[in-house]
Every structure is written in structure tokens, then in C-alpha cells.
Protein backbone atom coordinates (compact mmCIF):
# COMPACT_ATOMS: atom_id res chain seq x y z
CA UNK A 1 -33.39 47.79 -43.17
CA UNK A 2 -30.98 50.69 -42.70
CA UNK A 3 -29.40 53.69 -44.34
CA UNK A 4 -25.72 54.29 -44.98
CA UNK A 5 -24.42 57.84 -44.73
CA UNK A 6 -22.40 58.63 -47.85
CA UNK A 7 -21.45 62.10 -46.66
CA UNK A 8 -22.73 65.53 -47.74
CA UNK A 9 -26.06 64.76 -46.10
CA UNK A 10 -26.97 61.96 -48.52
CA UNK A 11 -27.51 58.27 -47.88
CA UNK A 12 -28.31 54.97 -49.58
CA UNK A 13 -30.75 52.34 -48.41
CA UNK A 14 -29.71 48.76 -47.70
CA UNK A 15 -30.99 45.64 -45.99
CA UNK A 16 -28.91 43.15 -44.03
CA UNK A 17 -30.52 39.74 -43.59
CA UNK A 18 -28.32 37.79 -41.20
CA UNK A 19 -27.29 34.17 -41.61
CA UNK A 20 -24.46 31.78 -40.77
CA UNK A 21 -23.49 30.92 -44.35
CA UNK A 22 -21.45 32.86 -46.89
CA UNK A 23 -22.52 36.51 -47.08
CA UNK A 24 -23.91 37.56 -50.46
CA UNK A 25 -24.41 41.13 -51.63
CA UNK A 26 -27.09 41.70 -54.29
CA UNK A 27 -26.66 44.77 -56.48
CA UNK A 28 -29.49 45.59 -58.87
CA UNK A 29 -29.36 46.88 -62.42
CA UNK A 30 -29.73 50.35 -63.89
CA UNK A 31 -32.62 52.51 -62.61
CA UNK A 32 -34.11 49.54 -60.76
CA UNK A 33 -34.50 48.72 -57.05
CA UNK A 34 -33.19 46.08 -54.69
CA UNK A 35 -36.75 44.81 -54.36
CA UNK A 36 -36.30 43.05 -57.71
CA UNK A 37 -34.14 40.51 -55.82
CA UNK A 38 -36.96 39.47 -53.44
CA UNK A 39 -37.20 35.89 -54.67
CA UNK A 40 -33.41 35.44 -54.65
CA UNK A 41 -33.20 36.84 -51.12
CA UNK A 42 -35.67 34.23 -49.87
CA UNK A 43 -33.76 31.37 -51.53
CA UNK A 44 -30.44 32.52 -50.09
CA UNK A 45 -31.90 33.00 -46.62
CA UNK A 46 -33.43 29.54 -46.70
CA UNK A 47 -30.01 28.14 -47.60
CA UNK A 48 -28.55 29.86 -44.52
CA UNK A 49 -26.71 32.69 -46.24
CA UNK A 50 -26.45 36.22 -44.96
CA UNK A 51 -27.77 38.65 -47.59
CA UNK A 52 -27.10 42.34 -48.10
CA UNK A 53 -29.28 44.19 -50.62
CA UNK A 54 -28.29 47.68 -51.72
CA UNK A 55 -30.30 50.35 -53.54
CA UNK A 56 -28.05 52.38 -55.87
CA UNK A 57 -27.73 56.10 -55.60
CA UNK A 58 -30.85 57.58 -57.17
CA UNK A 59 -32.79 54.31 -57.03
CA UNK A 60 -35.19 52.47 -54.76
CA UNK A 61 -35.27 54.05 -51.32
CA UNK A 62 -31.90 55.78 -51.65
CA UNK A 63 -31.57 59.55 -51.97
CA UNK A 64 -32.05 61.02 -55.45
CA UNK A 65 -29.79 64.08 -55.38
CA UNK A 66 -26.23 62.73 -55.45
CA UNK A 67 -23.66 64.79 -57.34
CA UNK A 68 -21.60 61.70 -58.25
CA UNK A 69 -23.59 58.92 -59.94
CA UNK A 70 -20.60 57.08 -61.40
CA UNK A 71 -20.01 53.34 -61.32
CA UNK A 72 -17.02 53.94 -59.03
CA UNK A 73 -19.14 55.95 -56.58
CA UNK A 74 -21.84 53.27 -56.42
CA UNK A 75 -19.14 50.61 -55.97
CA UNK A 76 -17.64 52.65 -53.16
CA UNK A 77 -21.00 52.64 -51.40
CA UNK A 78 -21.27 48.86 -51.81
CA UNK A 79 -17.77 48.26 -50.45
CA UNK A 80 -18.36 50.58 -47.48
CA UNK A 81 -21.65 48.87 -46.62
CA UNK A 82 -19.98 45.44 -46.77
CA UNK A 83 -17.27 46.59 -44.36
CA UNK A 84 -19.93 48.06 -42.09
CA UNK A 85 -22.06 44.90 -42.01
CA UNK A 86 -19.54 42.08 -41.78
CA UNK A 87 -15.90 41.21 -41.28
CA UNK A 88 -16.25 37.97 -43.25
CA UNK A 89 -15.28 37.58 -46.93
CA UNK A 90 -18.36 38.31 -49.03
CA UNK A 91 -19.62 37.32 -52.47
CA UNK A 92 -20.69 40.22 -54.70
CA UNK A 93 -23.54 39.53 -57.12
CA UNK A 94 -24.42 42.24 -59.64
CA UNK A 95 -27.22 42.27 -62.21
CA UNK A 96 -26.77 44.19 -65.49
CA UNK A 97 -25.12 47.54 -64.65
CA UNK A 98 -24.67 46.08 -61.17
CA UNK A 99 -22.15 43.69 -62.71
CA UNK A 100 -19.79 46.56 -63.44
CA UNK A 101 -20.43 47.86 -59.93
CA UNK A 102 -19.42 44.60 -58.23
CA UNK A 103 -16.26 44.18 -60.31
CA UNK A 104 -15.22 47.65 -59.17
CA UNK A 105 -16.27 46.95 -55.58
CA UNK A 106 -14.23 43.73 -55.59
CA UNK A 107 -11.09 45.75 -56.28
CA UNK A 108 -11.95 48.09 -53.38
CA UNK A 109 -12.57 45.20 -50.97
CA UNK A 110 -9.50 43.11 -51.80
CA UNK A 111 -9.33 40.04 -49.55
CA UNK A 112 -12.76 40.88 -48.11
CA UNK A 113 -14.26 39.71 -51.41
CA UNK A 114 -14.72 35.93 -51.61
CA UNK A 115 -16.17 35.75 -55.10
CA UNK A 116 -18.02 37.58 -57.85
CA UNK A 117 -21.25 36.69 -59.63
CA UNK A 118 -22.28 38.49 -62.81
CA UNK A 119 -26.00 38.09 -63.45
CA UNK A 120 -26.25 39.18 -67.08
CA UNK A 121 -23.59 41.56 -65.87
CA UNK A 122 -22.35 44.53 -67.91
CA UNK A 123 -18.68 43.66 -67.43
CA UNK A 124 -16.11 43.98 -68.82
CA UNK A 125 -17.75 46.42 -71.28
CA UNK A 126 -21.28 47.57 -72.06
CA UNK A 127 -20.39 49.17 -75.41
CA UNK A 128 -18.39 47.40 -78.12
CA UNK A 129 -15.06 48.77 -79.32
CA UNK A 130 -12.51 48.05 -82.04
CA UNK A 131 -10.93 45.32 -79.91
CA UNK A 132 -14.08 44.11 -78.13
CA UNK A 133 -16.86 42.99 -80.51
CA UNK A 134 -19.58 42.47 -77.89
CA UNK A 135 -22.05 44.94 -76.43
CA UNK A 136 -24.10 47.88 -77.63
CA UNK A 137 -23.34 50.24 -80.46
CA UNK A 138 -21.41 53.45 -79.80
CA UNK A 139 -23.91 56.28 -79.57
CA UNK A 140 -26.74 54.09 -78.27
CA UNK A 141 -26.56 55.60 -74.80
CA UNK A 142 -27.04 59.10 -76.17
CA UNK A 143 -30.19 57.81 -77.86
CA UNK A 144 -31.34 56.44 -74.52
CA UNK A 145 -30.68 59.80 -72.89
CA UNK A 146 -32.77 61.52 -75.55
CA UNK A 147 -35.61 59.03 -75.11
CA UNK A 148 -35.61 59.59 -71.35
CA UNK A 149 -35.78 63.32 -71.93
CA UNK A 150 -38.87 62.78 -74.05
CA UNK A 151 -41.48 60.36 -72.74
CA UNK A 152 -39.79 58.87 -69.69
CA UNK A 153 -42.78 56.74 -68.71
CA UNK A 154 -43.17 55.26 -72.20
CA UNK A 155 -39.45 54.52 -72.46
CA UNK A 156 -39.40 52.64 -69.18
CA UNK A 157 -42.61 50.81 -70.09
CA UNK A 158 -40.95 49.52 -73.23
CA UNK A 159 -37.83 48.55 -71.30
CA UNK A 160 -39.91 46.66 -68.73
CA UNK A 161 -41.54 44.64 -71.47
CA UNK A 162 -38.19 43.78 -73.08
CA UNK A 163 -36.28 42.57 -70.01
CA UNK A 164 -37.59 39.00 -70.10
CA UNK A 165 -37.50 36.65 -73.08
CA UNK A 166 -39.56 33.95 -71.39
CA UNK A 167 -43.22 34.67 -70.58
CA UNK A 168 -43.84 36.49 -67.31
CA UNK A 169 -47.01 37.93 -65.82
CA UNK A 170 -48.25 41.40 -66.64
CA UNK A 171 -47.99 42.07 -62.90
CA UNK A 172 -44.23 41.40 -63.08
CA UNK A 173 -43.85 43.84 -65.97
CA UNK A 174 -45.88 46.41 -64.01
CA UNK A 175 -43.66 45.86 -60.97
CA UNK A 176 -40.49 46.50 -62.97
CA UNK A 177 -42.06 49.56 -64.61
CA UNK A 178 -42.99 51.02 -61.23
CA UNK A 179 -39.40 50.65 -60.02
CA UNK A 180 -37.98 52.16 -63.21
CA UNK A 181 -40.18 55.26 -63.23
CA UNK A 182 -39.51 55.81 -59.52
CA UNK A 183 -35.78 56.25 -60.19
CA UNK A 184 -34.26 59.71 -59.98
CA UNK A 185 -33.33 61.93 -62.94
CA UNK A 186 -29.62 61.41 -62.33
CA UNK A 187 -29.65 57.70 -63.17
CA UNK A 188 -28.85 58.46 -66.81
CA UNK A 189 -25.45 59.68 -65.59
CA UNK A 190 -24.72 56.18 -64.25
CA UNK A 191 -25.60 54.65 -67.61
CA UNK A 192 -23.48 57.13 -69.55
CA UNK A 193 -20.57 56.38 -67.24
CA UNK A 194 -21.09 52.65 -67.80
CA UNK A 195 -20.45 53.28 -71.48
CA UNK A 196 -16.96 54.54 -70.62
CA UNK A 197 -16.03 51.65 -68.33
CA UNK A 198 -13.58 48.99 -69.48
CA UNK A 199 -12.90 46.29 -66.87
CA UNK A 200 -10.91 43.80 -68.89
CA UNK A 201 -7.75 44.43 -66.89
CA UNK A 202 -9.68 44.28 -63.62
CA UNK A 203 -11.12 40.90 -64.58
CA UNK A 204 -7.70 39.60 -65.59
CA UNK A 205 -6.41 40.55 -62.13
CA UNK A 206 -9.40 39.16 -60.22
CA UNK A 207 -7.97 36.66 -57.70
CA UNK A 208 -11.29 35.10 -56.64
CA UNK A 209 -13.76 32.76 -58.38
CA UNK A 210 -16.21 34.39 -60.79
CA UNK A 211 -19.49 33.00 -62.07
CA UNK A 212 -21.05 34.66 -65.11
CA UNK A 213 -24.72 33.73 -65.52
CA UNK A 214 -25.93 34.55 -69.02
CA UNK A 215 -29.32 34.34 -70.71
CA UNK A 216 -28.91 33.03 -74.24
CA UNK A 217 -31.81 35.19 -75.47
CA UNK A 218 -30.84 38.41 -73.67
CA UNK A 219 -32.04 41.34 -75.78
CA UNK A 220 -30.80 44.03 -73.37
CA UNK A 221 -27.14 43.00 -73.07
CA UNK A 222 -25.24 41.05 -75.70
CA UNK A 223 -24.70 37.53 -74.24
CA UNK A 224 -21.18 37.72 -75.63
CA UNK A 225 -20.29 40.20 -72.89
CA UNK A 226 -20.96 37.70 -70.10
CA UNK A 227 -19.25 34.89 -71.99
CA UNK A 228 -16.17 37.07 -72.43
CA UNK A 229 -16.11 37.85 -68.70
CA UNK A 230 -15.99 34.15 -67.86
CA UNK A 231 -13.12 33.66 -70.30
CA UNK A 232 -11.11 36.68 -69.16
CA UNK A 233 -11.28 36.06 -65.40
CA UNK A 234 -8.56 33.58 -64.31
CA UNK A 235 -11.04 31.64 -62.17
CA UNK A 236 -14.11 32.31 -64.27
CA UNK A 237 -16.93 29.95 -65.16
CA UNK A 238 -20.01 30.35 -67.31
CA UNK A 239 -23.60 29.29 -66.62
CA UNK A 240 -25.64 29.71 -69.81
CA UNK A 241 -29.41 29.54 -69.34
CA UNK A 242 -31.00 28.68 -72.67
CA UNK A 243 -33.93 30.74 -73.89
CA UNK A 244 -33.61 33.16 -71.02
CA UNK A 245 -33.50 36.94 -71.36
CA UNK A 246 -31.97 39.62 -69.17
CA UNK A 247 -33.46 38.52 -65.83
CA UNK A 248 -32.79 34.80 -65.30
CA UNK A 249 -33.51 35.06 -61.57
CA UNK A 250 -37.09 35.93 -62.57
CA UNK A 251 -37.54 34.02 -65.84
CA UNK A 252 -35.97 30.71 -64.82
CA UNK A 253 -35.50 30.96 -61.08
CA UNK A 254 -34.94 27.22 -60.68
CA UNK A 255 -31.98 27.14 -63.06
CA UNK A 256 -30.62 30.44 -61.77
CA UNK A 257 -30.80 29.47 -58.10
CA UNK A 258 -29.20 26.10 -58.81
CA UNK A 259 -26.24 27.75 -60.53
CA UNK A 260 -25.86 30.36 -57.78
CA UNK A 261 -26.12 27.94 -54.84
CA UNK A 262 -23.72 25.48 -56.48
CA UNK A 263 -21.17 28.27 -56.90
CA UNK A 264 -21.56 29.39 -53.29
CA UNK A 265 -21.20 25.83 -52.00
CA UNK A 266 -17.73 25.59 -53.57
CA UNK A 267 -16.36 28.64 -51.75
């Protein structure tokens, strides 16, 4: 475990688990924590991969008081940590909002990026538009902001219960809730910025393989977003996990890990 100095006296927390295989960076979703990846970390380590886990600005064990909470700023942290930890090409795996982060980080890293994985990733867009029919409704993020300004604990409790479509334990829901409510007040700024992001051109220009893992029953992010990402990226492929919600690495770890390890083995 370590901290990366982002300047201005603020830092983000990360872990670097060393291994001889392909390095994989795990970037969590909105207002969450890198701890959510614990099971995936163990699987990757057992397969011999090096693993880097990053807590976003305002989340997990990272500092809460960043002035810039944008997707680009978080992606800059991820790219800088990758350069600090390894000189080998690295695979970037982002869950939910983390999907937009890793697409941005891939452009920062250039040839240092070996591949991209979108785990129910919010790329290329989180909000639908006139020429992109997938994603949330315009104005939905302002409603989220208002809900957070009301009963923050109740909002995050409801979100925790809606992440998974397949049955999970109450302890798992409690674990997610604890991570959500521990996030800093500035995380809403990251979500609002996500609503402005459009990465269709970035995906079209992506020179490396991309795997988009989508839960067919995802109630948090329109599955059409992940399917579109696989179609737009020149070297994109889709892994659709039937009946799965927004967290396939938790809900159907066997299917998720198989798709991820197969992708890594081809690089």
C-alpha cells in the first residue's frame, strides 16, 4: 500500500501487488473504494498478474478535499501511478464511472497501455443524446445531486441494494453501503462531469484491444452503453453475462473472471 502525491498537499491511495504476468490496473466506480475489487485482486494474483488498485480522489483512503474531481483529473492520477509503478505496458480495467476514467487514462499513457477492460463501464457516454440512444436521461444527475443533498445515507443505501441483479448477501450490500457513505462530499462533482463526457472519438482511435463486460440486467447503467463501446472500438469485443446486474465481478465471479483472464491471455 502507498500514497501518490498529486500536488498541492493532496494524495491518493493505491496498492501495488507485484507479479510476473501482465500488469492490470483496477479502477472502481463512483463513490466506491478499491476494496470492492478484493476478489478480483486475488484471482489475478493467483494467475501471476501484477495488480494496481487505485482509490479515486475523494474515495476510499484517498484525500477528500481535492479542488479538481473531474474524470480527466482522476485519469491523470491513474496514468501517473502506472508510470510510477511499472515500465511495462499495462491493462486498464474500469468499473462503471471507472470505465470513463480508464479510457481517458489510456490516451494519456499511449504505448504504455496494453489493453482496456470496461466492467459495466460508463464509456463512451453515461447520458443519452440525440445521436446516442443509450444511457441515462438528461437531468437525472441533477436529481441525484438533490437526493445526495437530502438524505445521503438513505440514497446510498438504495443504491447499494440496486447494484446487483442476482442475489447477494446482506453483508455484501452493507459492505457497499459503508464504502459509499464514506466517500467525500466532492464525489458528486465527478458524477456531474461524467454526464458531460463523450468518448466516442477516443474509442474510435483506441489502438489496443478492448473488452467490454456487460450485465444483461444492469439497472444502473444501460447495457447498450457497453455494447456500443465494443462496437465503436476498432479492436473491441463484448462479453455479455446474462442475468447479471452492475457488478458482474461480484454477482457472477466465475463468468467474469473467465472472460477477464481469457482476454489477458491473448495480449
